[in-house]
Amino acid sequence: MSTPKILLVDDTKLFIELEKNFLKHSPVHVLTASSGEEALEVAMKERPDLIFMDINMPGMGGLACCSTLKADEQLSSIPVVMVSSCGKEEDLEACREAGCNDFLSKPIDRRLFLEKARSFLKSINRRDIRIPYEAPVTFTLDGVSRSGFSVDLSNGGVYVTEARPVEEKKTIILEIKLPNTTGRSIKAQGIVAWANGQGKRRKMSLPPGFGVEFTKIAEEDNMVIKAFVEGTRGK
């Protein structure tokens, strides 16, 4: 059985890298394109099993590209998930008219991204390896420096305790110390994927706080976290 192919289309490299990171534990072959024109070329050549495509791109935008794909007899069966930074009703209607199969809003939530991907490809793995890990965490949110403690850690994110309210989808800068890193802290940028507030607890098994999905991290730091998580899990 051949490895499924997923085509990621966005003119912003950050979002391409973020989506690729979401898929790192899934047995899929990731293809990328930065425009509608390039996406059509890749789709015609590679016949991907699923496409995630941004709406707004220079040149041929996502809506025009999706319409062209769906009008092509050889490509029309490929599922297309449109991605937009707005999420307005008119965007949804325009996507439906273009023939897309589903819709996703930015900032991209990892859980929703993988759930939508899995609805089309059952081989998608929605979970990162996660380990319990308690350590001080400093973070900057809305320009204000704050501190908390990690509860668990994965290669894709961390859960941080925090009694004060934290708004979901906010960009956050974190710094966390891992053992055996010779005093060097791991730094990462992420988004607040979900909040577990004092008055609205989504997971009673966890203390008040929030879950962070990493969106930008140095390759060296990423490898340090991966080695630590996998090494700790194996003990």
Protein backbone atom coordinates (compact mmCIF):
# COMPACT_ATOMS: atom_id res chain seq x y z
CA MET A 1 0.00 0.00 0.00
CA SER A 2 1.51 3.36 -1.04
CA THR A 3 2.14 6.15 1.46
CA PRO A 4 -0.67 8.75 1.42
CA LYS A 5 0.27 12.20 0.10
CA ILE A 6 -0.89 15.49 1.63
CA LEU A 7 -0.41 18.77 -0.24
CA LEU A 8 -0.06 21.91 1.92
CA VAL A 9 -0.63 25.17 0.03
CA ASP A 10 0.18 28.56 1.59
CA ASP A 11 2.30 31.54 0.56
CA THR A 12 3.42 32.03 4.20
CA LYS A 13 6.23 29.65 5.11
CA LEU A 14 5.38 29.79 8.84
CA PHE A 15 2.00 28.15 8.25
CA ILE A 16 3.50 25.51 5.97
CA GLU A 17 6.06 24.62 8.65
CA LEU A 18 3.37 24.58 11.34
CA GLU A 19 1.18 22.16 9.37
CA LYS A 20 4.19 19.98 8.52
CA ASN A 21 4.99 19.85 12.24
CA PHE A 22 1.44 18.69 12.99
CA LEU A 23 1.90 15.78 10.57
CA LYS A 24 5.34 14.67 11.76
CA HIS A 25 4.02 11.57 13.58
CA SER A 26 1.80 10.43 10.72
CA PRO A 27 2.95 8.00 7.98
CA VAL A 28 2.30 10.44 5.14
CA HIS A 29 4.36 12.10 2.42
CA VAL A 30 4.05 15.90 2.66
CA LEU A 31 4.06 18.03 -0.50
CA THR A 32 4.05 21.84 -0.47
CA ALA A 33 3.16 24.71 -2.77
CA SER A 34 3.20 28.49 -2.27
CA SER A 35 0.60 29.50 -4.87
CA GLY A 36 -2.50 28.26 -6.62
CA GLU A 37 -0.60 27.83 -9.87
CA GLU A 38 2.07 25.70 -8.18
CA ALA A 39 -0.59 23.70 -6.35
CA LEU A 40 -2.24 22.75 -9.66
CA GLU A 41 1.10 21.61 -11.07
CA VAL A 42 1.86 19.51 -7.99
CA ALA A 43 -1.66 18.06 -7.89
CA MET A 44 -1.52 17.06 -11.55
CA LYS A 45 1.89 15.43 -11.16
CA GLU A 46 1.59 13.81 -7.70
CA ARG A 47 -2.17 13.14 -7.31
CA PRO A 48 -2.26 13.89 -3.54
CA ASP A 49 -4.80 12.17 -1.31
CA LEU A 50 -5.68 15.39 0.55
CA ILE A 51 -5.05 19.13 0.13
CA PHE A 52 -5.00 21.90 2.75
CA MET A 53 -5.11 25.25 0.92
CA ASP A 54 -5.01 28.88 2.03
CA ILE A 55 -7.67 31.14 0.52
CA ASN A 56 -5.65 34.32 0.08
CA MET A 57 -2.47 34.01 -1.99
CA PRO A 58 -0.81 36.20 -4.64
CA GLY A 59 -1.72 35.29 -8.22
CA MET A 60 -4.19 32.43 -8.30
CA GLY A 61 -5.86 32.33 -4.89
CA GLY A 62 -7.14 29.26 -3.09
CA LEU A 63 -10.75 29.64 -4.21
CA ALA A 64 -9.85 29.80 -7.90
CA CYS A 65 -7.45 26.89 -7.49
CA CYS A 66 -10.08 24.78 -5.71
CA SER A 67 -12.66 25.52 -8.42
CA THR A 68 -10.16 24.50 -11.09
CA LEU A 69 -9.31 21.28 -9.26
CA LYS A 70 -12.95 20.34 -8.80
CA ALA A 71 -13.70 21.04 -12.48
CA ASP A 72 -10.95 18.65 -13.58
CA GLU A 73 -12.22 15.11 -14.05
CA GLN A 74 -8.88 13.61 -12.98
CA LEU A 75 -8.49 15.75 -9.84
CA SER A 76 -12.05 16.42 -8.67
CA SER A 77 -12.12 13.51 -6.19
CA ILE A 78 -9.20 14.90 -4.15
CA PRO A 79 -10.55 16.32 -0.83
CA VAL A 80 -9.72 20.00 -0.35
CA VAL A 81 -9.77 21.73 3.04
CA MET A 82 -9.73 25.50 2.65
CA VAL A 83 -7.91 27.61 5.26
CA SER A 84 -8.79 31.23 6.04
CA SER A 85 -7.65 33.87 8.53
CA CYS A 86 -11.16 35.36 8.67
CA GLY A 87 -13.70 32.58 9.09
CA LYS A 88 -16.58 34.87 8.11
CA GLU A 89 -19.81 33.44 6.75
CA GLU A 90 -19.08 34.92 3.32
CA ASP A 91 -15.76 33.05 3.29
CA LEU A 92 -17.54 29.81 4.14
CA GLU A 93 -20.08 30.37 1.37
CA ALA A 94 -17.33 31.18 -1.15
CA CYS A 95 -15.52 27.97 -0.19
CA ARG A 96 -18.67 25.93 -0.64
CA GLU A 97 -19.21 27.47 -4.07
CA ALA A 98 -15.61 26.60 -4.97
CA GLY A 99 -16.42 22.97 -4.15
CA CYS A 100 -14.20 22.47 -1.09
CA ASN A 101 -14.81 19.52 1.22
CA ASP A 102 -14.14 21.28 4.54
CA PHE A 103 -12.97 24.53 6.09
CA LEU A 104 -10.41 25.54 8.75
CA SER A 105 -9.74 28.94 10.34
CA LYS A 106 -6.41 30.53 11.29
CA PRO A 107 -4.67 30.54 13.70
CA ILE A 108 -4.60 26.83 13.03
CA ASP A 109 -5.51 24.62 15.97
CA ARG A 110 -3.46 21.42 15.90
CA ARG A 111 -6.27 19.26 17.24
CA LEU A 112 -8.79 20.51 14.67
CA PHE A 113 -6.26 20.25 11.85
CA LEU A 114 -5.52 16.61 12.64
CA GLU A 115 -9.19 15.77 13.21
CA LYS A 116 -10.08 17.13 9.79
CA ALA A 117 -7.12 15.36 8.19
CA ARG A 118 -8.12 12.09 9.87
CA SER A 119 -11.69 12.40 8.59
CA PHE A 120 -10.22 11.89 5.10
CA LEU A 121 -7.13 9.78 5.89
CA LYS A 122 -7.37 7.22 8.71
CA SER A 123 -3.57 6.92 8.88
CA ILE A 124 -3.29 10.38 10.49
CA ASN A 125 -1.87 10.20 14.02
CA ARG A 126 -3.45 12.85 16.23
CA ARG A 127 -1.23 12.41 19.28
CA ASP A 128 2.29 13.44 20.23
CA ILE A 129 4.25 11.35 22.71
CA ARG A 130 3.61 13.16 26.00
CA ILE A 131 5.33 12.71 29.37
CA PRO A 132 4.69 14.13 32.85
CA TYR A 133 7.25 16.84 33.52
CA GLU A 134 7.30 19.46 36.28
CA ALA A 135 9.67 22.42 35.86
CA PRO A 136 9.58 26.23 36.11
CA VAL A 137 8.39 27.95 32.94
CA THR A 138 8.70 31.64 32.13
CA PHE A 139 6.56 33.03 29.35
CA THR A 140 5.67 36.31 27.68
CA LEU A 141 2.05 36.95 26.79
CA ASP A 142 0.79 40.29 25.43
CA GLY A 143 4.18 41.77 26.20
CA VAL A 144 3.98 40.84 29.89
CA SER A 145 6.44 38.39 31.48
CA ARG A 146 4.82 35.74 33.67
CA SER A 147 5.77 32.42 35.20
CA GLY A 148 4.27 29.02 35.95
CA PHE A 149 5.16 25.33 35.99
CA SER A 150 4.95 22.71 33.29
CA VAL A 151 2.76 19.67 33.97
CA ASP A 152 3.47 17.60 30.88
CA LEU A 153 5.61 17.97 27.80
CA SER A 154 5.67 16.69 24.23
CA ASN A 155 7.70 17.39 21.13
CA GLY A 156 4.83 19.57 19.94
CA GLY A 157 3.87 21.50 23.05
CA VAL A 158 3.58 21.86 26.81
CA TYR A 159 0.89 22.31 29.46
CA VAL A 160 1.57 25.22 31.82
CA THR A 161 -0.10 25.97 35.16
CA GLU A 162 -1.51 29.48 35.52
CA ALA A 163 -4.22 30.71 37.91
CA ARG A 164 -4.97 33.88 35.95
CA PRO A 165 -7.17 33.77 32.83
CA VAL A 166 -5.37 33.15 29.53
CA GLU A 167 -7.05 33.78 26.19
CA GLU A 168 -6.95 31.00 23.61
CA LYS A 169 -5.24 31.53 20.22
CA LYS A 170 -2.80 34.07 21.72
CA THR A 171 0.85 33.99 20.62
CA ILE A 172 3.21 33.12 23.47
CA ILE A 173 6.99 32.98 23.99
CA LEU A 174 8.17 30.30 26.45
CA GLU A 175 11.39 29.35 28.16
CA ILE A 176 11.77 26.01 29.96
CA LYS A 177 14.75 24.25 31.50
CA LEU A 178 15.32 20.58 30.75
CA PRO A 179 17.74 18.28 32.61
CA ASN A 180 21.16 17.64 31.10
CA THR A 181 21.15 20.75 28.91
CA THR A 182 24.16 22.32 30.69
CA GLY A 183 22.17 25.22 32.07
CA ARG A 184 20.73 26.25 28.72
CA SER A 185 16.99 26.88 28.57
CA ILE A 186 14.78 25.73 25.71
CA LYS A 187 12.97 28.59 24.01
CA ALA A 188 9.94 28.32 21.75
CA GLN A 189 7.13 30.35 20.25
CA GLY A 190 3.63 28.92 20.27
CA ILE A 191 -0.07 29.57 20.47
CA VAL A 192 -2.40 28.96 23.38
CA ALA A 193 -4.30 26.00 21.94
CA TRP A 194 -6.74 25.64 24.82
CA ALA A 195 -7.34 27.06 28.30
CA ASN A 196 -8.33 25.24 31.49
CA GLY A 197 -9.55 28.20 33.54
CA GLN A 198 -10.55 28.39 37.17
CA GLY A 199 -14.22 28.92 36.35
CA LYS A 200 -14.32 26.83 33.19
CA ARG A 201 -12.31 23.63 33.58
CA ARG A 202 -12.20 21.52 30.43
CA LYS A 203 -10.01 18.87 32.07
CA MET A 204 -10.58 18.37 35.79
CA SER A 205 -7.55 16.05 35.95
CA LEU A 206 -5.27 19.03 35.23
CA PRO A 207 -4.72 22.14 37.39
CA PRO A 208 -5.82 25.53 36.03
CA GLY A 209 -3.58 26.54 33.15
CA PHE A 210 -3.30 26.24 29.39
CA GLY A 211 -1.95 24.03 26.64
CA VAL A 212 0.56 25.43 24.17
CA GLU A 213 1.27 24.19 20.65
CA PHE A 214 4.79 25.06 19.49
CA THR A 215 4.81 27.03 16.23
CA LYS A 216 8.44 28.11 16.07
CA ILE A 217 11.42 26.44 17.72
CA ALA A 218 15.09 26.11 16.80
CA GLU A 219 15.94 22.74 15.29
CA GLU A 220 18.57 22.14 17.97
CA ASP A 221 16.06 22.81 20.76
CA ASN A 222 13.48 20.66 19.02
CA MET A 223 15.93 17.75 18.93
CA VAL A 224 16.74 18.25 22.64
CA ILE A 225 13.04 18.04 23.57
CA LYS A 226 12.48 15.03 21.33
CA ALA A 227 15.44 13.14 22.82
CA PHE A 228 14.34 13.99 26.37
CA VAL A 229 10.69 12.95 25.79
CA GLU A 230 11.56 9.70 24.05
CA GLY A 231 14.32 8.88 26.54
CA THR A 232 12.09 9.53 29.54
CA ARG A 233 9.20 7.56 28.04
CA GLY A 234 11.50 4.55 27.57
CA LYS A 235 12.46 4.39 31.25
